[in-house]
Amino acid sequence: IAFDDEETESGLRSVAAPIRDWDRKVVAAISIIGPTSRINKSRLNE
């Protein structure tokens, strides 16, 4: 899991995870991105 804790843009956080193909190679990633007011630090694990 990777986090962006207001590193790209102040006031935004994201949580990302890898998407792997049949050979277990990472071919993409998905993330949830939102304002810090909605993605507060207590929600990061969830």
PDB file of all heavy atoms in Angstrom:
ATOM      1  N   ILE A   1       0.856  -1.189   0.000  1.00  0.00           N
ATOM      2  CA  ILE A   1       0.000   0.000   0.000  1.00  0.00           C
ATOM      3  C   ILE A   1       0.886   1.232   0.000  1.00  0.00           C
ATOM      4  O   ILE A   1       1.898   1.290   0.690  1.00  0.00           O
ATOM      5  CB  ILE A   1      -0.901   0.023   1.259  1.00  0.00           C
ATOM      6  CG1 ILE A   1      -1.984  -1.046   1.167  1.00  0.00           C
ATOM      7  CG2 ILE A   1      -1.549   1.373   1.484  1.00  0.00           C
ATOM      8  CD1 ILE A   1      -3.067  -0.763   0.158  1.00  0.00           C
ATOM      9  N   ALA A   2       0.494   2.235  -0.782  1.00  0.00           N
ATOM     10  CA  ALA A   2       1.234   3.497  -0.811  1.00  0.00           C
ATOM     11  C   ALA A   2       0.285   4.640  -0.469  1.00  0.00           C
ATOM     12  O   ALA A   2      -0.900   4.600  -0.807  1.00  0.00           O
ATOM     13  CB  ALA A   2       1.848   3.730  -2.189  1.00  0.00           C
ATOM     14  N   PHE A   3       0.842   5.623   0.193  1.00  0.00           N
ATOM     15  CA  PHE A   3       0.056   6.788   0.592  1.00  0.00           C
ATOM     16  C   PHE A   3       0.654   8.055  -0.004  1.00  0.00           C
ATOM     17  O   PHE A   3       1.864   8.161  -0.196  1.00  0.00           O
ATOM     18  CB  PHE A   3       0.045   6.939   2.123  1.00  0.00           C
ATOM     19  CG  PHE A   3      -0.580   5.785   2.831  1.00  0.00           C
ATOM     20  CD1 PHE A   3       0.212   4.780   3.367  1.00  0.00           C
ATOM     21  CD2 PHE A   3      -1.948   5.692   2.974  1.00  0.00           C
ATOM     22  CE1 PHE A   3      -0.347   3.701   4.031  1.00  0.00           C
ATOM     23  CE2 PHE A   3      -2.532   4.620   3.627  1.00  0.00           C
ATOM     24  CZ  PHE A   3      -1.725   3.620   4.157  1.00  0.00           C
ATOM     25  N   ASP A   4      -0.206   8.994  -0.289  1.00  0.00           N
ATOM     26  CA  ASP A   4       0.185  10.365  -0.624  1.00  0.00           C
ATOM     27  C   ASP A   4      -0.522  11.217   0.422  1.00  0.00           C
ATOM     28  O   ASP A   4      -1.737  11.380   0.376  1.00  0.00           O
ATOM     29  CB  ASP A   4      -0.278  10.715  -2.042  1.00  0.00           C
ATOM     30  CG  ASP A   4      -0.137  12.190  -2.389  1.00  0.00           C
ATOM     31  OD1 ASP A   4       0.184  13.009  -1.499  1.00  0.00           O
ATOM     32  OD2 ASP A   4      -0.377  12.537  -3.554  1.00  0.00           O
ATOM     33  N   ASP A   5       0.246  11.692   1.373  1.00  0.00           N
ATOM     34  CA  ASP A   5      -0.318  12.480   2.466  1.00  0.00           C
ATOM     35  C   ASP A   5      -0.011  13.952   2.217  1.00  0.00           C
ATOM     36  O   ASP A   5       0.929  14.501   2.786  1.00  0.00           O
ATOM     37  CB  ASP A   5       0.241  12.005   3.804  1.00  0.00           C
ATOM     38  CG  ASP A   5      -0.480  12.615   4.994  1.00  0.00           C
ATOM     39  OD1 ASP A   5      -1.510  13.297   4.788  1.00  0.00           O
ATOM     40  OD2 ASP A   5      -0.018  12.411   6.126  1.00  0.00           O
ATOM     41  N   GLU A   6      -0.790  14.535   1.334  1.00  0.00           N
ATOM     42  CA  GLU A   6      -0.641  15.941   0.940  1.00  0.00           C
ATOM     43  C   GLU A   6       0.719  16.222   0.299  1.00  0.00           C
ATOM     44  O   GLU A   6       1.237  17.325   0.385  1.00  0.00           O
ATOM     45  CB  GLU A   6      -0.875  16.879   2.128  1.00  0.00           C
ATOM     46  CG  GLU A   6      -2.263  16.781   2.717  1.00  0.00           C
ATOM     47  CD  GLU A   6      -2.521  17.833   3.775  1.00  0.00           C
ATOM     48  OE1 GLU A   6      -2.858  18.979   3.389  1.00  0.00           O
ATOM     49  OE2 GLU A   6      -2.373  17.508   4.975  1.00  0.00           O
ATOM     50  N   GLU A   7       1.288  15.230  -0.376  1.00  0.00           N
ATOM     51  CA  GLU A   7       2.578  15.393  -1.035  1.00  0.00           C
ATOM     52  C   GLU A   7       2.438  15.974  -2.441  1.00  0.00           C
ATOM     53  O   GLU A   7       3.319  16.691  -2.901  1.00  0.00           O
ATOM     54  CB  GLU A   7       3.306  14.056  -1.106  1.00  0.00           C
ATOM     55  CG  GLU A   7       3.692  13.518   0.254  1.00  0.00           C
ATOM     56  CD  GLU A   7       4.172  12.089   0.194  1.00  0.00           C
ATOM     57  OE1 GLU A   7       5.188  11.844  -0.474  1.00  0.00           O
ATOM     58  OE2 GLU A   7       3.526  11.221   0.821  1.00  0.00           O
ATOM     59  N   THR A   8       1.345  15.663  -3.108  1.00  0.00           N
ATOM     60  CA  THR A   8       1.102  16.165  -4.460  1.00  0.00           C
ATOM     61  C   THR A   8       0.391  17.508  -4.420  1.00  0.00           C
ATOM     62  O   THR A   8       0.722  18.429  -5.151  1.00  0.00           O
ATOM     63  CB  THR A   8       0.258  15.160  -5.269  1.00  0.00           C
ATOM     64  OG1 THR A   8       0.941  13.909  -5.297  1.00  0.00           O
ATOM     65  CG2 THR A   8       0.026  15.649  -6.683  1.00  0.00           C
ATOM     66  N   GLU A   9      -0.600  17.576  -3.555  1.00  0.00           N
ATOM     67  CA  GLU A   9      -1.443  18.773  -3.453  1.00  0.00           C
ATOM     68  C   GLU A   9      -1.864  18.949  -1.998  1.00  0.00           C
ATOM     69  O   GLU A   9      -2.335  17.993  -1.374  1.00  0.00           O
ATOM     70  CB  GLU A   9      -2.678  18.579  -4.334  1.00  0.00           C
ATOM     71  CG  GLU A   9      -3.504  19.788  -4.578  1.00  0.00           C
ATOM     72  CD  GLU A   9      -2.871  20.777  -5.544  1.00  0.00           C
ATOM     73  OE1 GLU A   9      -2.256  20.357  -6.534  1.00  0.00           O
ATOM     74  OE2 GLU A   9      -3.009  21.975  -5.278  1.00  0.00           O
ATOM     75  N   SER A  10      -1.702  20.119  -1.464  1.00  0.00           N
ATOM     76  CA  SER A  10      -2.150  20.383  -0.095  1.00  0.00           C
ATOM     77  C   SER A  10      -3.656  20.173  -0.011  1.00  0.00           C
ATOM     78  O   SER A  10      -4.398  20.578  -0.911  1.00  0.00           O
ATOM     79  CB  SER A  10      -1.811  21.818   0.313  1.00  0.00           C
ATOM     80  OG  SER A  10      -0.423  21.973   0.415  1.00  0.00           O
ATOM     81  N   GLY A  11      -4.086  19.494   1.036  1.00  0.00           N
ATOM     82  CA  GLY A  11      -5.508  19.244   1.230  1.00  0.00           C
ATOM     83  C   GLY A  11      -6.007  17.964   0.599  1.00  0.00           C
ATOM     84  O   GLY A  11      -7.190  17.652   0.695  1.00  0.00           O
ATOM     85  N   LEU A  12      -5.116  17.182  -0.052  1.00  0.00           N
ATOM     86  CA  LEU A  12      -5.517  15.907  -0.662  1.00  0.00           C
ATOM     87  C   LEU A  12      -4.685  14.762  -0.118  1.00  0.00           C
ATOM     88  O   LEU A  12      -3.486  14.911   0.112  1.00  0.00           O
ATOM     89  CB  LEU A  12      -5.339  15.943  -2.184  1.00  0.00           C
ATOM     90  CG  LEU A  12      -6.305  16.797  -2.985  1.00  0.00           C
ATOM     91  CD1 LEU A  12      -5.965  16.716  -4.466  1.00  0.00           C
ATOM     92  CD2 LEU A  12      -7.739  16.360  -2.754  1.00  0.00           C
ATOM     93  N   ARG A  13      -5.344  13.613   0.059  1.00  0.00           N
ATOM     94  CA  ARG A  13      -4.662  12.374   0.450  1.00  0.00           C
ATOM     95  C   ARG A  13      -5.085  11.282  -0.514  1.00  0.00           C
ATOM     96  O   ARG A  13      -6.188  11.304  -1.060  1.00  0.00           O
ATOM     97  CB  ARG A  13      -5.075  11.945   1.859  1.00  0.00           C
ATOM     98  CG  ARG A  13      -4.396  12.659   2.947  1.00  0.00           C
ATOM     99  CD  ARG A  13      -4.533  11.933   4.288  1.00  0.00           C
ATOM    100  NE  ARG A  13      -3.908  12.776   5.291  1.00  0.00           N
ATOM    101  CZ  ARG A  13      -4.576  13.580   6.113  1.00  0.00           C
ATOM    102  NH1 ARG A  13      -5.885  13.619   6.095  1.00  0.00           N
ATOM    103  NH2 ARG A  13      -3.923  14.326   6.973  1.00  0.00           N
ATOM    104  N   SER A  14      -4.212  10.287  -0.664  1.00  0.00           N
ATOM    105  CA  SER A  14      -4.587   9.119  -1.457  1.00  0.00           C
ATOM    106  C   SER A  14      -3.984   7.862  -0.856  1.00  0.00           C
ATOM    107  O   SER A  14      -2.995   7.906  -0.124  1.00  0.00           O
ATOM    108  CB  SER A  14      -4.145   9.266  -2.916  1.00  0.00           C
ATOM    109  OG  SER A  14      -2.753   9.074  -3.056  1.00  0.00           O
ATOM    110  N   VAL A  15      -4.626   6.758  -1.194  1.00  0.00           N
ATOM    111  CA  VAL A  15      -4.187   5.419  -0.822  1.00  0.00           C
ATOM    112  C   VAL A  15      -4.171   4.629  -2.120  1.00  0.00           C
ATOM    113  O   VAL A  15      -5.154   4.637  -2.861  1.00  0.00           O
ATOM    114  CB  VAL A  15      -5.176   4.759   0.167  1.00  0.00           C
ATOM    115  CG1 VAL A  15      -4.716   3.382   0.548  1.00  0.00           C
ATOM    116  CG2 VAL A  15      -5.396   5.624   1.382  1.00  0.00           C
ATOM    117  N   ALA A  16      -3.061   3.938  -2.414  1.00  0.00           N
ATOM    118  CA  ALA A  16      -2.945   3.205  -3.675  1.00  0.00           C
ATOM    119  C   ALA A  16      -2.486   1.776  -3.453  1.00  0.00           C
ATOM    120  O   ALA A  16      -1.803   1.472  -2.472  1.00  0.00           O
ATOM    121  CB  ALA A  16      -1.956   3.924  -4.605  1.00  0.00           C
ATOM    122  N   ALA A  17      -2.867   0.889  -4.384  1.00  0.00           N
ATOM    123  CA  ALA A  17      -2.466  -0.518  -4.338  1.00  0.00           C
ATOM    124  C   ALA A  17      -2.190  -0.994  -5.772  1.00  0.00           C
ATOM    125  O   ALA A  17      -2.765  -0.471  -6.730  1.00  0.00           O
ATOM    126  CB  ALA A  17      -3.563  -1.369  -3.704  1.00  0.00           C
ATOM    127  N   PRO A  18      -1.320  -1.999  -5.913  1.00  0.00           N
ATOM    128  CA  PRO A  18      -0.947  -2.473  -7.244  1.00  0.00           C
ATOM    129  C   PRO A  18      -1.968  -3.418  -7.861  1.00  0.00           C
ATOM    130  O   PRO A  18      -2.642  -4.172  -7.158  1.00  0.00           O
ATOM    131  CB  PRO A  18       0.360  -3.216  -6.991  1.00  0.00           C
ATOM    132  CG  PRO A  18       0.221  -3.741  -5.601  1.00  0.00           C
ATOM    133  CD  PRO A  18      -0.569  -2.678  -4.861  1.00  0.00           C
ATOM    134  N   ILE A  19      -2.034  -3.377  -9.171  1.00  0.00           N
ATOM    135  CA  ILE A  19      -2.797  -4.347  -9.953  1.00  0.00           C
ATOM    136  C   ILE A  19      -1.771  -5.172 -10.718  1.00  0.00           C
ATOM    137  O   ILE A  19      -0.895  -4.621 -11.389  1.00  0.00           O
ATOM    138  CB  ILE A  19      -3.778  -3.653 -10.915  1.00  0.00           C
ATOM    139  CG1 ILE A  19      -4.832  -2.906 -10.088  1.00  0.00           C
ATOM    140  CG2 ILE A  19      -4.410  -4.665 -11.876  1.00  0.00           C
ATOM    141  CD1 ILE A  19      -5.786  -2.085 -10.893  1.00  0.00           C
ATOM    142  N   ARG A  20      -1.885  -6.491 -10.576  1.00  0.00           N
ATOM    143  CA  ARG A  20      -0.912  -7.401 -11.174  1.00  0.00           C
ATOM    144  C   ARG A  20      -1.546  -8.241 -12.275  1.00  0.00           C
ATOM    145  O   ARG A  20      -2.738  -8.530 -12.231  1.00  0.00           O
ATOM    146  CB  ARG A  20      -0.335  -8.328 -10.099  1.00  0.00           C
ATOM    147  CG  ARG A  20       0.366  -7.562  -8.996  1.00  0.00           C
ATOM    148  CD  ARG A  20       0.883  -8.489  -7.897  1.00  0.00           C
ATOM    149  NE  ARG A  20       1.485  -7.744  -6.816  1.00  0.00           N
ATOM    150  CZ  ARG A  20       2.727  -7.285  -6.805  1.00  0.00           C
ATOM    151  NH1 ARG A  20       3.513  -7.521  -7.833  1.00  0.00           N
ATOM    152  NH2 ARG A  20       3.200  -6.602  -5.775  1.00  0.00           N
ATOM    153  N   ASP A  21      -0.715  -8.637 -13.236  1.00  0.00           N
ATOM    154  CA  ASP A  21      -1.200  -9.497 -14.313  1.00  0.00           C
ATOM    155  C   ASP A  21      -0.971 -10.960 -13.948  1.00  0.00           C
ATOM    156  O   ASP A  21      -0.558 -11.274 -12.820  1.00  0.00           O
ATOM    157  CB  ASP A  21      -0.555  -9.121 -15.650  1.00  0.00           C
ATOM    158  CG  ASP A  21       0.938  -9.415 -15.716  1.00  0.00           C
ATOM    159  OD1 ASP A  21       1.508 -10.020 -14.771  1.00  0.00           O
ATOM    160  OD2 ASP A  21       1.563  -9.037 -16.728  1.00  0.00           O
ATOM    161  N   TRP A  22      -1.207 -11.845 -14.889  1.00  0.00           N
ATOM    162  CA  TRP A  22      -1.085 -13.280 -14.663  1.00  0.00           C
ATOM    163  C   TRP A  22       0.320 -13.692 -14.243  1.00  0.00           C
ATOM    164  O   TRP A  22       0.518 -14.706 -13.596  1.00  0.00           O
ATOM    165  CB  TRP A  22      -1.493 -14.044 -15.928  1.00  0.00           C
ATOM    166  CG  TRP A  22      -0.626 -13.677 -17.113  1.00  0.00           C
ATOM    167  CD1 TRP A  22      -0.809 -12.626 -17.966  1.00  0.00           C
ATOM    168  CD2 TRP A  22       0.567 -14.304 -17.510  1.00  0.00           C
ATOM    169  NE1 TRP A  22       0.206 -12.574 -18.880  1.00  0.00           N
ATOM    170  CE2 TRP A  22       1.078 -13.603 -18.634  1.00  0.00           C
ATOM    171  CE3 TRP A  22       1.288 -15.409 -17.051  1.00  0.00           C
ATOM    172  CZ2 TRP A  22       2.249 -13.954 -19.279  1.00  0.00           C
ATOM    173  CZ3 TRP A  22       2.460 -15.758 -17.703  1.00  0.00           C
ATOM    174  CH2 TRP A  22       2.921 -15.038 -18.802  1.00  0.00           C
ATOM    175  N   ASP A  23       1.310 -12.880 -14.604  1.00  0.00           N
ATOM    176  CA  ASP A  23       2.705 -13.168 -14.286  1.00  0.00           C
ATOM    177  C   ASP A  23       3.150 -12.470 -12.999  1.00  0.00           C
ATOM    178  O   ASP A  23       4.332 -12.426 -12.704  1.00  0.00           O
ATOM    179  CB  ASP A  23       3.573 -12.727 -15.476  1.00  0.00           C
ATOM    180  CG  ASP A  23       4.922 -13.390 -15.512  1.00  0.00           C
ATOM    181  OD1 ASP A  23       5.074 -14.489 -14.948  1.00  0.00           O
ATOM    182  OD2 ASP A  23       5.853 -12.800 -16.099  1.00  0.00           O
ATOM    183  N   ARG A  24       2.181 -11.898 -12.260  1.00  0.00           N
ATOM    184  CA  ARG A  24       2.408 -11.170 -10.998  1.00  0.00           C
ATOM    185  C   ARG A  24       3.161  -9.856 -11.190  1.00  0.00           C
ATOM    186  O   ARG A  24       3.638  -9.267 -10.243  1.00  0.00           O
ATOM    187  CB  ARG A  24       3.118 -12.049  -9.955  1.00  0.00           C
ATOM    188  CG  ARG A  24       2.431 -13.340  -9.592  1.00  0.00           C
ATOM    189  CD  ARG A  24       1.215 -13.209  -8.723  1.00  0.00           C
ATOM    190  NE  ARG A  24       1.496 -12.523  -7.462  1.00  0.00           N
ATOM    191  CZ  ARG A  24       0.606 -11.777  -6.827  1.00  0.00           C
ATOM    192  NH1 ARG A  24      -0.593 -11.621  -7.300  1.00  0.00           N
ATOM    193  NH2 ARG A  24       0.907 -11.178  -5.703  1.00  0.00           N
ATOM    194  N   LYS A  25       3.280  -9.390 -12.436  1.00  0.00           N
ATOM    195  CA  LYS A  25       3.923  -8.105 -12.703  1.00  0.00           C
ATOM    196  C   LYS A  25       2.915  -6.987 -12.460  1.00  0.00           C
ATOM    197  O   LYS A  25       1.736  -7.115 -12.804  1.00  0.00           O
ATOM    198  CB  LYS A  25       4.414  -8.037 -14.151  1.00  0.00           C
ATOM    199  CG  LYS A  25       5.594  -8.945 -14.431  1.00  0.00           C
ATOM    200  CD  LYS A  25       5.881  -9.051 -15.892  1.00  0.00           C
ATOM    201  CE  LYS A  25       6.769  -7.933 -16.356  1.00  0.00           C
ATOM    202  NZ  LYS A  25       7.156  -8.093 -17.776  1.00  0.00           N
ATOM    203  N   VAL A  26       3.385  -5.901 -11.874  1.00  0.00           N
ATOM    204  CA  VAL A  26       2.517  -4.746 -11.655  1.00  0.00           C
ATOM    205  C   VAL A  26       2.315  -4.045 -12.995  1.00  0.00           C
ATOM    206  O   VAL A  26       3.272  -3.613 -13.632  1.00  0.00           O
ATOM    207  CB  VAL A  26       3.114  -3.786 -10.613  1.00  0.00           C
ATOM    208  CG1 VAL A  26       2.293  -2.513 -10.510  1.00  0.00           C
ATOM    209  CG2 VAL A  26       3.192  -4.471  -9.258  1.00  0.00           C
ATOM    210  N   VAL A  27       1.066  -3.969 -13.415  1.00  0.00           N
ATOM    211  CA  VAL A  27       0.745  -3.360 -14.704  1.00  0.00           C
ATOM    212  C   VAL A  27      -0.087  -2.085 -14.550  1.00  0.00           C
ATOM    213  O   VAL A  27      -0.261  -1.339 -15.505  1.00  0.00           O
ATOM    214  CB  VAL A  27       0.007  -4.352 -15.637  1.00  0.00           C
ATOM    215  CG1 VAL A  27       0.930  -5.511 -16.020  1.00  0.00           C
ATOM    216  CG2 VAL A  27      -1.270  -4.879 -14.991  1.00  0.00           C
ATOM    217  N   ALA A  28      -0.585  -1.874 -13.340  1.00  0.00           N
ATOM    218  CA  ALA A  28      -1.409  -0.691 -13.076  1.00  0.00           C
ATOM    219  C   ALA A  28      -1.509  -0.524 -11.559  1.00  0.00           C
ATOM    220  O   ALA A  28      -0.998  -1.342 -10.799  1.00  0.00           O
ATOM    221  CB  ALA A  28      -2.806  -0.853 -13.688  1.00  0.00           C
ATOM    222  N   ALA A  29      -2.159   0.531 -11.166  1.00  0.00           N
ATOM    223  CA  ALA A  29      -2.429   0.764  -9.750  1.00  0.00           C
ATOM    224  C   ALA A  29      -3.768   1.475  -9.639  1.00  0.00           C
ATOM    225  O   ALA A  29      -4.180   2.171 -10.566  1.00  0.00           O
ATOM    226  CB  ALA A  29      -1.324   1.610  -9.122  1.00  0.00           C
ATOM    227  N   ILE A  30      -4.444   1.253  -8.536  1.00  0.00           N
ATOM    228  CA  ILE A  30      -5.677   2.002  -8.266  1.00  0.00           C
ATOM    229  C   ILE A  30      -5.480   2.792  -6.984  1.00  0.00           C
ATOM    230  O   ILE A  30      -4.667   2.422  -6.136  1.00  0.00           O
ATOM    231  CB  ILE A  30      -6.924   1.099  -8.162  1.00  0.00           C
ATOM    232  CG1 ILE A  30      -6.813   0.125  -6.989  1.00  0.00           C
ATOM    233  CG2 ILE A  30      -7.182   0.371  -9.460  1.00  0.00           C
ATOM    234  CD1 ILE A  30      -8.128  -0.550  -6.649  1.00  0.00           C
ATOM    235  N   SER A  31      -6.233   3.870  -6.892  1.00  0.00           N
ATOM    236  CA  SER A  31      -6.133   4.657  -5.668  1.00  0.00           C
ATOM    237  C   SER A  31      -7.460   5.308  -5.341  1.00  0.00           C
ATOM    238  O   SER A  31      -8.310   5.501  -6.208  1.00  0.00           O
ATOM    239  CB  SER A  31      -5.037   5.725  -5.792  1.00  0.00           C
ATOM    240  OG  SER A  31      -5.378   6.690  -6.754  1.00  0.00           O
ATOM    241  N   ILE A  32      -7.596   5.606  -4.080  1.00  0.00           N
ATOM    242  CA  ILE A  32      -8.705   6.410  -3.583  1.00  0.00           C
ATOM    243  C   ILE A  32      -8.093   7.759  -3.237  1.00  0.00           C
ATOM    244  O   ILE A  32      -7.124   7.824  -2.480  1.00  0.00           O
ATOM    245  CB  ILE A  32      -9.350   5.779  -2.331  1.00  0.00           C
ATOM    246  CG1 ILE A  32      -9.962   4.415  -2.668  1.00  0.00           C
ATOM    247  CG2 ILE A  32     -10.388   6.721  -1.731  1.00  0.00           C
ATOM    248  CD1 ILE A  32     -10.456   3.657  -1.455  1.00  0.00           C
ATOM    249  N   ILE A  33      -8.629   8.796  -3.819  1.00  0.00           N
ATOM    250  CA  ILE A  33      -8.104  10.147  -3.605  1.00  0.00           C
ATOM    251  C   ILE A  33      -9.245  11.023  -3.103  1.00  0.00           C
ATOM    252  O   ILE A  33     -10.369  10.941  -3.603  1.00  0.00           O
ATOM    253  CB  ILE A  33      -7.562  10.746  -4.921  1.00  0.00           C
ATOM    254  CG1 ILE A  33      -6.473   9.856  -5.500  1.00  0.00           C
ATOM    255  CG2 ILE A  33      -7.047  12.166  -4.701  1.00  0.00           C
ATOM    256  CD1 ILE A  33      -6.067  10.225  -6.914  1.00  0.00           C
ATOM    257  N   GLY A  34      -8.936  11.848  -2.124  1.00  0.00           N
ATOM    258  CA  GLY A  34      -9.971  12.744  -1.638  1.00  0.00           C
ATOM    259  C   GLY A  34      -9.409  13.828  -0.742  1.00  0.00           C
ATOM    260  O   GLY A  34      -8.229  13.812  -0.385  1.00  0.00           O
ATOM    261  N   PRO A  35     -10.256  14.759  -0.384  1.00  0.00           N
ATOM    262  CA  PRO A  35      -9.811  15.846   0.494  1.00  0.00           C
ATOM    263  C   PRO A  35      -9.497  15.322   1.890  1.00  0.00           C
ATOM    264  O   PRO A  35     -10.092  14.339   2.350  1.00  0.00           O
ATOM    265  CB  PRO A  35     -11.003  16.806   0.512  1.00  0.00           C
ATOM    266  CG  PRO A  35     -12.183  15.972   0.148  1.00  0.00           C
ATOM    267  CD  PRO A  35     -11.671  14.881  -0.746  1.00  0.00           C
ATOM    268  N   THR A  36      -8.566  15.976   2.554  1.00  0.00           N
ATOM    269  CA  THR A  36      -8.172  15.557   3.898  1.00  0.00           C
ATOM    270  C   THR A  36      -9.341  15.613   4.879  1.00  0.00           C
ATOM    271  O   THR A  36      -9.350  14.889   5.867  1.00  0.00           O
ATOM    272  CB  THR A  36      -7.009  16.411   4.420  1.00  0.00           C
ATOM    273  OG1 THR A  36      -7.379  17.789   4.339  1.00  0.00           O
ATOM    274  CG2 THR A  36      -5.743  16.182   3.621  1.00  0.00           C
ATOM    275  N   SER A  37     -10.340  16.430   4.591  1.00  0.00           N
ATOM    276  CA  SER A  37     -11.510  16.493   5.471  1.00  0.00           C
ATOM    277  C   SER A  37     -12.322  15.198   5.420  1.00  0.00           C
ATOM    278  O   SER A  37     -12.980  14.837   6.395  1.00  0.00           O
ATOM    279  CB  SER A  37     -12.405  17.679   5.088  1.00  0.00           C
ATOM    280  OG  SER A  37     -12.876  17.539   3.756  1.00  0.00           O
ATOM    281  N   ARG A  38     -12.245  14.483   4.308  1.00  0.00           N
ATOM    282  CA  ARG A  38     -12.984  13.221   4.173  1.00  0.00           C
ATOM    283  C   ARG A  38     -12.076  12.008   4.350  1.00  0.00           C
ATOM    284  O   ARG A  38     -12.524  10.950   4.779  1.00  0.00           O
ATOM    285  CB  ARG A  38     -13.676  13.168   2.818  1.00  0.00           C
ATOM    286  CG  ARG A  38     -14.765  14.257   2.742  1.00  0.00           C
ATOM    287  CD  ARG A  38     -15.469  14.267   1.440  1.00  0.00           C
ATOM    288  NE  ARG A  38     -16.400  13.149   1.400  1.00  0.00           N
ATOM    289  CZ  ARG A  38     -16.910  12.679   0.283  1.00  0.00           C
ATOM    290  NH1 ARG A  38     -16.593  13.203  -0.869  1.00  0.00           N
ATOM    291  NH2 ARG A  38     -17.756  11.676   0.305  1.00  0.00           N
ATOM    292  N   ILE A  39     -10.821  12.144   3.954  1.00  0.00           N
ATOM    293  CA  ILE A  39      -9.848  11.067   4.164  1.00  0.00           C
ATOM    294  C   ILE A  39      -8.927  11.539   5.281  1.00  0.00           C
ATOM    295  O   ILE A  39      -7.816  11.990   5.054  1.00  0.00           O
ATOM    296  CB  ILE A  39      -9.065  10.750   2.873  1.00  0.00           C
ATOM    297  CG1 ILE A  39     -10.010  10.307   1.761  1.00  0.00           C
ATOM    298  CG2 ILE A  39      -8.029   9.660   3.147  1.00  0.00           C
ATOM    299  CD1 ILE A  39      -9.323   9.949   0.457  1.00  0.00           C
ATOM    300  N   ASN A  40      -9.459  11.458   6.504  1.00  0.00           N
ATOM    301  CA  ASN A  40      -8.636  11.860   7.642  1.00  0.00           C
ATOM    302  C   ASN A  40      -7.737  10.690   8.027  1.00  0.00           C
ATOM    303  O   ASN A  40      -7.922   9.568   7.578  1.00  0.00           O
ATOM    304  CB  ASN A  40      -9.494  12.347   8.811  1.00  0.00           C
ATOM    305  CG  ASN A  40     -10.524  11.341   9.234  1.00  0.00           C
ATOM    306  OD1 ASN A  40     -10.232  10.152   9.348  1.00  0.00           O
ATOM    307  ND2 ASN A  40     -11.744  11.794   9.467  1.00  0.00           N
ATOM    308  N   LYS A  41      -6.755  10.969   8.840  1.00  0.00           N
ATOM    309  CA  LYS A  41      -5.752   9.944   9.168  1.00  0.00           C
ATOM    310  C   LYS A  41      -6.354   8.720   9.838  1.00  0.00           C
ATOM    311  O   LYS A  41      -5.864   7.616   9.668  1.00  0.00           O
ATOM    312  CB  LYS A  41      -4.630  10.551   9.996  1.00  0.00           C
ATOM    313  CG  LYS A  41      -3.801  11.504   9.184  1.00  0.00           C
ATOM    314  CD  LYS A  41      -2.515  11.860   9.861  1.00  0.00           C
ATOM    315  CE  LYS A  41      -1.743  12.800   8.925  1.00  0.00           C
ATOM    316  NZ  LYS A  41      -0.342  12.872   9.251  1.00  0.00           N
ATOM    317  N   SER A  42      -7.449   8.887  10.550  1.00  0.00           N
ATOM    318  CA  SER A  42      -8.078   7.749  11.218  1.00  0.00           C
ATOM    319  C   SER A  42      -8.762   6.808  10.222  1.00  0.00           C
ATOM    320  O   SER A  42      -9.016   5.649  10.550  1.00  0.00           O
ATOM    321  CB  SER A  42      -9.076   8.221  12.276  1.00  0.00           C
ATOM    322  OG  SER A  42     -10.145   8.921  11.681  1.00  0.00           O
ATOM    323  N   ARG A  43      -9.047   7.262   9.019  1.00  0.00           N
ATOM    324  CA  ARG A  43      -9.699   6.421   8.002  1.00  0.00           C
ATOM    325  C   ARG A  43      -8.699   5.725   7.080  1.00  0.00           C
ATOM    326  O   ARG A  43      -9.091   4.886   6.276  1.00  0.00           O
ATOM    327  CB  ARG A  43     -10.630   7.271   7.129  1.00  0.00           C
ATOM    328  CG  ARG A  43     -11.860   7.718   7.871  1.00  0.00           C
ATOM    329  CD  ARG A  43     -12.967   8.104   6.955  1.00  0.00           C
ATOM    330  NE  ARG A  43     -13.450   6.946   6.218  1.00  0.00           N
ATOM    331  CZ  ARG A  43     -14.015   7.026   5.010  1.00  0.00           C
ATOM    332  NH1 ARG A  43     -14.170   8.197   4.426  1.00  0.00           N
ATOM    333  NH2 ARG A  43     -14.439   5.961   4.394  1.00  0.00           N
ATOM    334  N   LEU A  44      -7.417   6.068   7.175  1.00  0.00           N
ATOM    335  CA  LEU A  44      -6.440   5.537   6.227  1.00  0.00           C
ATOM    336  C   LEU A  44      -6.358   4.015   6.237  1.00  0.00           C
ATOM    337  O   LEU A  44      -6.309   3.400   5.169  1.00  0.00           O
ATOM    338  CB  LEU A  44      -5.059   6.152   6.463  1.00  0.00           C
ATOM    339  CG  LEU A  44      -4.894   7.586   5.983  1.00  0.00           C
ATOM    340  CD1 LEU A  44      -3.509   8.099   6.325  1.00  0.00           C
ATOM    341  CD2 LEU A  44      -5.149   7.707   4.486  1.00  0.00           C
ATOM    342  N   ASN A  45      -6.362   3.392   7.405  1.00  0.00           N
ATOM    343  CA  ASN A  45      -6.282   1.924   7.449  1.00  0.00           C
ATOM    344  C   ASN A  45      -7.503   1.273   6.818  1.00  0.00           C
ATOM    345  O   ASN A  45      -7.390   0.280   6.104  1.00  0.00           O
ATOM    346  CB  ASN A  45      -6.089   1.431   8.885  1.00  0.00           C
ATOM    347  CG  ASN A  45      -4.692   1.694   9.392  1.00  0.00           C
ATOM    348  OD1 ASN A  45      -3.748   1.830   8.618  1.00  0.00           O
ATOM    349  ND2 ASN A  45      -4.547   1.774  10.699  1.00  0.00           N
ATOM    350  N   GLU A  46      -8.680   1.820   7.099  1.00  0.00           N
ATOM    351  CA  GLU A  46      -9.918   1.309   6.502  1.00  0.00           C
ATOM    352  C   GLU A  46      -9.862   1.419   4.976  1.00  0.00           C
ATOM    353  O   GLU A  46     -10.168   0.470   4.259  1.00  0.00           O
ATOM    354  CB  GLU A  46     -11.108   2.112   7.044  1.00  0.00           C
ATOM    355  CG  GLU A  46     -12.418   1.850   6.346  1.00  0.00           C
ATOM    356  CD  GLU A  46     -13.480   2.906   6.678  1.00  0.00           C
ATOM    357  OE1 GLU A  46     -13.233   3.796   7.512  1.00  0.00           O
ATOM    358  OE2 GLU A  46     -14.550   2.834   6.058  1.00  0.00           O
TER     359      GLU A  46
END
